[in-house]
């Protein structure tokens, strides 16, 4: 799969000739920093538009990382029940 391709089962057309909104990308990198309290670290890089610039957030707070993931998921074009 190329970096800008959709999964093979999803096309750019919905069968009616209209274009389906672009899918976003979310990458989470986590690691542990010894000697730090808390030692948890996460970097979240996300985009809602494959053509736009990604946003990056770094945090030491697990709850903040989860909040960002939830916001990103609910902002996707599908309904919350599709997640």
PDB file of N, CA and C in Angstrom:
ATOM      1  N   UNK A   1       0.850  -1.169   0.000  1.00  0.00           N
ATOM      2  CA  UNK A   1       0.000   0.000   0.000  1.00  0.00           C
ATOM      3  C   UNK A   1       0.895   1.230   0.000  1.00  0.00           C
ATOM      4  N   UNK A   2       0.632   2.136  -0.915  1.00  0.00           N
ATOM      5  CA  UNK A   2       1.352   3.398  -0.935  1.00  0.00           C
ATOM      6  C   UNK A   2       0.901   4.252   0.234  1.00  0.00           C
ATOM      7  N   UNK A   3       1.707   5.206   0.625  1.00  0.00           N
ATOM      8  CA  UNK A   3       1.391   6.003   1.814  1.00  0.00           C
ATOM      9  C   UNK A   3       0.096   6.788   1.686  1.00  0.00           C
ATOM     10  N   UNK A   4      -0.339   7.114   0.466  1.00  0.00           N
ATOM     11  CA  UNK A   4      -1.566   7.883   0.336  1.00  0.00           C
ATOM     12  C   UNK A   4      -2.738   7.041  -0.164  1.00  0.00           C
ATOM     13  N   UNK A   5      -2.578   5.718  -0.254  1.00  0.00           N
ATOM     14  CA  UNK A   5      -3.660   4.851  -0.701  1.00  0.00           C
ATOM     15  C   UNK A   5      -4.595   4.489   0.433  1.00  0.00           C
ATOM     16  N   UNK A   6      -5.848   4.271   0.081  1.00  0.00           N
ATOM     17  CA  UNK A   6      -6.832   3.752   1.024  1.00  0.00           C
ATOM     18  C   UNK A   6      -6.674   2.233   1.056  1.00  0.00           C
ATOM     19  N   UNK A   7      -7.170   1.578   2.096  1.00  0.00           N
ATOM     20  CA  UNK A   7      -7.184   0.121   2.082  1.00  0.00           C
ATOM     21  C   UNK A   7      -7.903  -0.354   0.817  1.00  0.00           C
ATOM     22  N   UNK A   8      -7.530  -1.520   0.291  1.00  0.00           N
ATOM     23  CA  UNK A   8      -8.006  -1.964  -1.010  1.00  0.00           C
ATOM     24  C   UNK A   8      -9.523  -2.078  -1.111  1.00  0.00           C
ATOM     25  N   UNK A   9     -10.230  -2.285  -0.023  1.00  0.00           N
ATOM     26  CA  UNK A   9     -11.682  -2.439  -0.071  1.00  0.00           C
ATOM     27  C   UNK A   9     -12.417  -1.108  -0.149  1.00  0.00           C
ATOM     28  N   UNK A  10     -11.725  -0.003  -0.066  1.00  0.00           N
ATOM     29  CA  UNK A  10     -12.365   1.312  -0.068  1.00  0.00           C
ATOM     30  C   UNK A  10     -11.953   2.067  -1.323  1.00  0.00           C
ATOM     31  N   UNK A  11     -12.913   2.545  -2.075  1.00  0.00           N
ATOM     32  CA  UNK A  11     -12.608   3.311  -3.279  1.00  0.00           C
ATOM     33  C   UNK A  11     -12.847   4.791  -3.022  1.00  0.00           C
ATOM     34  N   UNK A  12     -12.432   5.604  -3.974  1.00  0.00           N
ATOM     35  CA  UNK A  12     -12.648   7.046  -3.876  1.00  0.00           C
ATOM     36  C   UNK A  12     -14.064   7.438  -4.263  1.00  0.00           C
ATOM     37  N   UNK A  13     -14.833   6.512  -4.810  1.00  0.00           N
ATOM     38  CA  UNK A  13     -16.201   6.780  -5.227  1.00  0.00           C
ATOM     39  C   UNK A  13     -17.146   5.925  -4.392  1.00  0.00           C
ATOM     40  N   UNK A  14     -18.310   6.440  -4.105  1.00  0.00           N
ATOM     41  CA  UNK A  14     -19.284   5.689  -3.305  1.00  0.00           C
ATOM     42  C   UNK A  14     -20.297   4.953  -4.169  1.00  0.00           C
ATOM     43  N   UNK A  15     -20.078   4.884  -5.469  1.00  0.00           N
ATOM     44  CA  UNK A  15     -20.998   4.201  -6.362  1.00  0.00           C
ATOM     45  C   UNK A  15     -22.032   5.127  -6.978  1.00  0.00           C
ATOM     46  N   UNK A  16     -22.148   6.336  -6.470  1.00  0.00           N
ATOM     47  CA  UNK A  16     -23.115   7.295  -6.993  1.00  0.00           C
ATOM     48  C   UNK A  16     -22.427   8.389  -7.800  1.00  0.00           C
ATOM     49  N   UNK A  17     -21.115   8.285  -7.937  1.00  0.00           N
ATOM     50  CA  UNK A  17     -20.376   9.299  -8.675  1.00  0.00           C
ATOM     51  C   UNK A  17     -19.814  10.398  -7.795  1.00  0.00           C
ATOM     52  N   UNK A  18     -20.218  10.449  -6.530  1.00  0.00           N
ATOM     53  CA  UNK A  18     -19.675  11.474  -5.641  1.00  0.00           C
ATOM     54  C   UNK A  18     -18.430  10.934  -4.945  1.00  0.00           C
ATOM     55  N   UNK A  19     -17.565  11.839  -4.577  1.00  0.00           N
ATOM     56  CA  UNK A  19     -16.317  11.458  -3.929  1.00  0.00           C
ATOM     57  C   UNK A  19     -16.526  11.291  -2.435  1.00  0.00           C
ATOM     58  N   UNK A  20     -15.945  10.247  -1.885  1.00  0.00           N
ATOM     59  CA  UNK A  20     -16.006  10.007  -0.445  1.00  0.00           C
ATOM     60  C   UNK A  20     -14.968  10.911   0.222  1.00  0.00           C
ATOM     61  N   UNK A  21     -15.278  11.535   1.358  1.00  0.00           N
ATOM     62  CA  UNK A  21     -14.299  12.392   2.036  1.00  0.00           C
ATOM     63  C   UNK A  21     -13.018  11.628   2.362  1.00  0.00           C
ATOM     64  N   UNK A  22     -11.896  12.343   2.371  1.00  0.00           N
ATOM     65  CA  UNK A  22     -10.598  11.735   2.635  1.00  0.00           C
ATOM     66  C   UNK A  22     -10.525  11.135   4.032  1.00  0.00           C
ATOM     67  N   UNK A  23      -9.738  10.078   4.130  1.00  0.00           N
ATOM     68  CA  UNK A  23      -9.507   9.449   5.429  1.00  0.00           C
ATOM     69  C   UNK A  23      -8.317  10.135   6.087  1.00  0.00           C
ATOM     70  N   UNK A  24      -8.307  10.168   7.417  1.00  0.00           N
ATOM     71  CA  UNK A  24      -7.211  10.759   8.148  1.00  0.00           C
ATOM     72  C   UNK A  24      -6.197   9.717   8.573  1.00  0.00           C
ATOM     73  N   UNK A  25      -5.109  10.186   9.169  1.00  0.00           N
ATOM     74  CA  UNK A  25      -4.051   9.317   9.659  1.00  0.00           C
ATOM     75  C   UNK A  25      -3.712   9.721  11.081  1.00  0.00           C
ATOM     76  N   UNK A  26      -3.491   8.723  11.928  1.00  0.00           N
ATOM     77  CA  UNK A  26      -3.072   8.965  13.303  1.00  0.00           C
ATOM     78  C   UNK A  26      -1.955   7.980  13.632  1.00  0.00           C
ATOM     79  N   UNK A  27      -0.809   8.500  14.055  1.00  0.00           N
ATOM     80  CA  UNK A  27       0.336   7.676  14.446  1.00  0.00           C
ATOM     81  C   UNK A  27       0.662   8.003  15.891  1.00  0.00           C
ATOM     82  N   UNK A  28       0.769   6.963  16.710  1.00  0.00           N
ATOM     83  CA  UNK A  28       1.099   7.149  18.125  1.00  0.00           C
ATOM     84  C   UNK A  28       2.415   6.445  18.403  1.00  0.00           C
ATOM     85  N   UNK A  29       3.364   7.160  18.954  1.00  0.00           N
ATOM     86  CA  UNK A  29       4.631   6.569  19.394  1.00  0.00           C
ATOM     87  C   UNK A  29       4.695   6.742  20.902  1.00  0.00           C
ATOM     88  N   UNK A  30       4.921   5.654  21.622  1.00  0.00           N
ATOM     89  CA  UNK A  30       5.053   5.739  23.080  1.00  0.00           C
ATOM     90  C   UNK A  30       6.401   5.185  23.502  1.00  0.00           C
ATOM     91  N   UNK A  31       6.895   5.675  24.624  1.00  0.00           N
ATOM     92  CA  UNK A  31       8.135   5.174  25.188  1.00  0.00           C
ATOM     93  C   UNK A  31       8.173   5.496  26.670  1.00  0.00           C
ATOM     94  N   UNK A  32       9.151   4.931  27.352  1.00  0.00           N
ATOM     95  CA  UNK A  32       9.335   5.141  28.786  1.00  0.00           C
ATOM     96  C   UNK A  32      10.657   5.854  28.999  1.00  0.00           C
ATOM     97  N   UNK A  33      10.644   6.910  29.798  1.00  0.00           N
ATOM     98  CA  UNK A  33      11.859   7.645  30.137  1.00  0.00           C
ATOM     99  C   UNK A  33      12.221   7.356  31.584  1.00  0.00           C
ATOM    100  N   UNK A  34      13.255   6.554  31.810  1.00  0.00           N
ATOM    101  CA  UNK A  34      13.656   6.233  33.182  1.00  0.00           C
ATOM    102  C   UNK A  34      14.072   7.496  33.943  1.00  0.00           C
ATOM    103  N   UNK A  35      13.773   7.510  35.205  1.00  0.00           N
ATOM    104  CA  UNK A  35      14.151   8.639  36.049  1.00  0.00           C
ATOM    105  C   UNK A  35      13.192   9.813  35.978  1.00  0.00           C
ATOM    106  N   UNK A  36      12.174   9.726  35.172  1.00  0.00           N
ATOM    107  CA  UNK A  36      11.175  10.789  35.058  1.00  0.00           C
ATOM    108  C   UNK A  36       9.876  10.327  35.700  1.00  0.00           C
ATOM    109  N   UNK A  37       9.157  11.254  36.300  1.00  0.00           N
ATOM    110  CA  UNK A  37       7.864  10.922  36.892  1.00  0.00           C
ATOM    111  C   UNK A  37       6.814  11.820  36.235  1.00  0.00           C
ATOM    112  N   UNK A  38       5.844  11.302  35.521  1.00  0.00           N
ATOM    113  CA  UNK A  38       5.773   9.901  35.130  1.00  0.00           C
ATOM    114  C   UNK A  38       6.751   9.610  34.001  1.00  0.00           C
ATOM    115  N   UNK A  39       7.119   8.368  33.841  1.00  0.00           N
ATOM    116  CA  UNK A  39       8.061   7.976  32.798  1.00  0.00           C
ATOM    117  C   UNK A  39       7.405   7.822  31.436  1.00  0.00           C
ATOM    118  N   UNK A  40       6.079   7.740  31.411  1.00  0.00           N
ATOM    119  CA  UNK A  40       5.339   7.576  30.160  1.00  0.00           C
ATOM    120  C   UNK A  40       5.485   8.809  29.281  1.00  0.00           C
ATOM    121  N   UNK A  41       5.729   8.570  28.006  1.00  0.00           N
ATOM    122  CA  UNK A  41       5.761   9.645  27.015  1.00  0.00           C
ATOM    123  C   UNK A  41       5.029   9.151  25.776  1.00  0.00           C
ATOM    124  N   UNK A  42       4.372  10.052  25.081  1.00  0.00           N
ATOM    125  CA  UNK A  42       3.700   9.718  23.826  1.00  0.00           C
ATOM    126  C   UNK A  42       3.825  10.894  22.867  1.00  0.00           C
ATOM    127  N   UNK A  43       3.983  10.573  21.607  1.00  0.00           N
ATOM    128  CA  UNK A  43       3.944  11.584  20.550  1.00  0.00           C
ATOM    129  C   UNK A  43       2.858  11.144  19.581  1.00  0.00           C
ATOM    130  N   UNK A  44       1.872  11.993  19.376  1.00  0.00           N
ATOM    131  CA  UNK A  44       0.758  11.707  18.472  1.00  0.00           C
ATOM    132  C   UNK A  44       0.866  12.647  17.278  1.00  0.00           C
ATOM    133  N   UNK A  45       0.921  12.065  16.101  1.00  0.00           N
ATOM    134  CA  UNK A  45       0.950  12.840  14.867  1.00  0.00           C
ATOM    135  C   UNK A  45      -0.300  12.474  14.097  1.00  0.00           C
ATOM    136  N   UNK A  46      -1.076  13.481  13.725  1.00  0.00           N
ATOM    137  CA  UNK A  46      -2.357  13.182  13.081  1.00  0.00           C
ATOM    138  C   UNK A  46      -2.690  14.207  12.012  1.00  0.00           C
ATOM    139  N   UNK A  47      -3.543  13.743  11.099  1.00  0.00           N
ATOM    140  CA  UNK A  47      -4.022  14.590  10.023  1.00  0.00           C
ATOM    141  C   UNK A  47      -5.432  14.146   9.668  1.00  0.00           C
ATOM    142  N   UNK A  48      -6.280  15.087   9.359  1.00  0.00           N
ATOM    143  CA  UNK A  48      -7.626  14.764   8.884  1.00  0.00           C
ATOM    144  C   UNK A  48      -7.692  14.870   7.368  1.00  0.00           C
ATOM    145  N   UNK A  49      -6.680  15.471   6.771  1.00  0.00           N
ATOM    146  CA  UNK A  49      -6.631  15.669   5.332  1.00  0.00           C
ATOM    147  C   UNK A  49      -5.262  15.208   4.827  1.00  0.00           C
ATOM    148  N   UNK A  50      -5.206  14.173   3.977  1.00  0.00           N
ATOM    149  CA  UNK A  50      -3.915  13.673   3.494  1.00  0.00           C
ATOM    150  C   UNK A  50      -3.091  14.734   2.767  1.00  0.00           C
ATOM    151  N   UNK A  51      -3.732  15.776   2.262  1.00  0.00           N
ATOM    152  CA  UNK A  51      -3.020  16.831   1.553  1.00  0.00           C
ATOM    153  C   UNK A  51      -2.503  17.917   2.499  1.00  0.00           C
ATOM    154  N   UNK A  52      -3.012  17.958   3.748  1.00  0.00           N
ATOM    155  CA  UNK A  52      -2.640  19.012   4.690  1.00  0.00           C
ATOM    156  C   UNK A  52      -1.434  18.650   5.539  1.00  0.00           C
ATOM    157  N   UNK A  53      -0.968  19.616   6.267  1.00  0.00           N
ATOM    158  CA  UNK A  53       0.149  19.407   7.184  1.00  0.00           C
ATOM    159  C   UNK A  53      -0.329  18.647   8.417  1.00  0.00           C
ATOM    160  N   UNK A  54       0.464  17.684   8.906  1.00  0.00           N
ATOM    161  CA  UNK A  54       0.067  16.967  10.122  1.00  0.00           C
ATOM    162  C   UNK A  54       0.276  17.824  11.364  1.00  0.00           C
ATOM    163  N   UNK A  55      -0.475  17.511  12.407  1.00  0.00           N
ATOM    164  CA  UNK A  55      -0.302  18.128  13.715  1.00  0.00           C
ATOM    165  C   UNK A  55       0.433  17.131  14.599  1.00  0.00           C
ATOM    166  N   UNK A  56       1.280  17.608  15.494  1.00  0.00           N
ATOM    167  CA  UNK A  56       2.001  16.728  16.411  1.00  0.00           C
ATOM    168  C   UNK A  56       1.835  17.247  17.825  1.00  0.00           C
ATOM    169  N   UNK A  57       1.515  16.319  18.738  1.00  0.00           N
ATOM    170  CA  UNK A  57       1.368  16.639  20.153  1.00  0.00           C
ATOM    171  C   UNK A  57       2.229  15.647  20.933  1.00  0.00           C
ATOM    172  N   UNK A  58       3.012  16.137  21.874  1.00  0.00           N
ATOM    173  CA  UNK A  58       3.770  15.277  22.785  1.00  0.00           C
ATOM    174  C   UNK A  58       3.202  15.454  24.179  1.00  0.00           C
ATOM    175  N   UNK A  59       3.127  14.341  24.923  1.00  0.00           N
ATOM    176  CA  UNK A  59       2.539  14.410  26.256  1.00  0.00           C
ATOM    177  C   UNK A  59       3.140  13.343  27.168  1.00  0.00           C
ATOM    178  N   UNK A  60       3.063  13.604  28.457  1.00  0.00           N
ATOM    179  CA  UNK A  60       3.429  12.621  29.474  1.00  0.00           C
ATOM    180  C   UNK A  60       2.178  12.148  30.203  1.00  0.00           C
ATOM    181  N   UNK A  61       1.020  12.539  29.710  1.00  0.00           N
ATOM    182  CA  UNK A  61      -0.254  12.241  30.355  1.00  0.00           C
ATOM    183  C   UNK A  61      -1.062  11.257  29.503  1.00  0.00           C
ATOM    184  N   UNK A  62      -1.260  10.045  30.019  1.00  0.00           N
ATOM    185  CA  UNK A  62      -2.017   9.020  29.283  1.00  0.00           C
ATOM    186  C   UNK A  62      -3.438   9.500  28.959  1.00  0.00           C
ATOM    187  N   UNK A  63      -4.072  10.184  29.898  1.00  0.00           N
ATOM    188  CA  UNK A  63      -5.435  10.669  29.668  1.00  0.00           C
ATOM    189  C   UNK A  63      -5.484  11.682  28.525  1.00  0.00           C
ATOM    190  N   UNK A  64      -4.476  12.529  28.429  1.00  0.00           N
ATOM    191  CA  UNK A  64      -4.434  13.483  27.320  1.00  0.00           C
ATOM    192  C   UNK A  64      -4.266  12.744  25.989  1.00  0.00           C
ATOM    193  N   UNK A  65      -3.418  11.730  25.950  1.00  0.00           N
ATOM    194  CA  UNK A  65      -3.234  10.944  24.727  1.00  0.00           C
ATOM    195  C   UNK A  65      -4.559  10.303  24.310  1.00  0.00           C
ATOM    196  N   UNK A  66      -5.271   9.731  25.264  1.00  0.00           N
ATOM    197  CA  UNK A  66      -6.567   9.113  24.964  1.00  0.00           C
ATOM    198  C   UNK A  66      -7.589  10.146  24.492  1.00  0.00           C
ATOM    199  N   UNK A  67      -7.583  11.328  25.098  1.00  0.00           N
ATOM    200  CA  UNK A  67      -8.503  12.397  24.699  1.00  0.00           C
ATOM    201  C   UNK A  67      -8.249  12.803  23.248  1.00  0.00           C
ATOM    202  N   UNK A  68      -6.987  12.912  22.866  1.00  0.00           N
ATOM    203  CA  UNK A  68      -6.638  13.291  21.492  1.00  0.00           C
ATOM    204  C   UNK A  68      -7.095  12.214  20.509  1.00  0.00           C
ATOM    205  N   UNK A  69      -6.885  10.947  20.870  1.00  0.00           N
ATOM    206  CA  UNK A  69      -7.325   9.845  20.010  1.00  0.00           C
ATOM    207  C   UNK A  69      -8.842   9.877  19.845  1.00  0.00           C
ATOM    208  N   UNK A  70      -9.559  10.067  20.951  1.00  0.00           N
ATOM    209  CA  UNK A  70     -11.030  10.125  20.875  1.00  0.00           C
ATOM    210  C   UNK A  70     -11.490  11.285  19.986  1.00  0.00           C
ATOM    211  N   UNK A  71     -10.899  12.457  20.167  1.00  0.00           N
ATOM    212  CA  UNK A  71     -11.278  13.614  19.349  1.00  0.00           C
ATOM    213  C   UNK A  71     -11.025  13.332  17.879  1.00  0.00           C
ATOM    214  N   UNK A  72      -9.896  12.725  17.568  1.00  0.00           N
ATOM    215  CA  UNK A  72      -9.559  12.413  16.192  1.00  0.00           C
ATOM    216  C   UNK A  72     -10.555  11.412  15.601  1.00  0.00           C
ATOM    217  N   UNK A  73     -10.884  10.359  16.365  1.00  0.00           N
ATOM    218  CA  UNK A  73     -11.823   9.345  15.883  1.00  0.00           C
ATOM    219  C   UNK A  73     -13.201   9.931  15.624  1.00  0.00           C
ATOM    220  N   UNK A  74     -13.702  10.726  16.552  1.00  0.00           N
ATOM    221  CA  UNK A  74     -15.036  11.299  16.381  1.00  0.00           C
ATOM    222  C   UNK A  74     -15.082  12.350  15.275  1.00  0.00           C
ATOM    223  N   UNK A  75     -13.930  12.924  14.917  1.00  0.00           N
ATOM    224  CA  UNK A  75     -13.888  13.919  13.852  1.00  0.00           C
ATOM    225  C   UNK A  75     -13.882  13.269  12.469  1.00  0.00           C
ATOM    226  N   UNK A  76     -13.673  11.958  12.394  1.00  0.00           N
ATOM    227  CA  UNK A  76     -13.701  11.262  11.106  1.00  0.00           C
ATOM    228  C   UNK A  76     -15.106  11.352  10.521  1.00  0.00           C
ATOM    229  N   UNK A  77     -15.210  11.176   9.231  1.00  0.00           N
ATOM    230  CA  UNK A  77     -16.474  11.436   8.536  1.00  0.00           C
ATOM    231  C   UNK A  77     -17.591  10.456   8.878  1.00  0.00           C
ATOM    232  N   UNK A  78     -17.280   9.269   9.388  1.00  0.00           N
ATOM    233  CA  UNK A  78     -18.316   8.313   9.741  1.00  0.00           C
ATOM    234  C   UNK A  78     -19.008   8.714  11.017  1.00  0.00           C
ATOM    235  N   UNK A  79     -20.131   8.074  11.284  1.00  0.00           N
ATOM    236  CA  UNK A  79     -20.841   8.350  12.525  1.00  0.00           C
ATOM    237  C   UNK A  79     -20.125   7.669  13.679  1.00  0.00           C
ATOM    238  N   UNK A  80     -20.319   8.137  14.945  1.00  0.00           N
ATOM    239  CA  UNK A  80     -19.641   7.533  16.084  1.00  0.00           C
ATOM    240  C   UNK A  80     -19.896   6.034  16.200  1.00  0.00           C
ATOM    241  N   UNK A  81     -21.021   5.542  15.732  1.00  0.00           N
ATOM    242  CA  UNK A  81     -21.300   4.118  15.793  1.00  0.00           C
ATOM    243  C   UNK A  81     -20.434   3.298  14.841  1.00  0.00           C
ATOM    244  N   UNK A  82     -19.790   3.959  13.859  1.00  0.00           N
ATOM    245  CA  UNK A  82     -18.938   3.265  12.904  1.00  0.00           C
ATOM    246  C   UNK A  82     -17.549   3.002  13.442  1.00  0.00           C
ATOM    247  N   UNK A  83     -17.196   3.598  14.570  1.00  0.00           N
ATOM    248  CA  UNK A  83     -15.836   3.493  15.105  1.00  0.00           C
ATOM    249  C   UNK A  83     -15.620   2.169  15.766  1.00  0.00           C
TER     250      UNK A  83
END
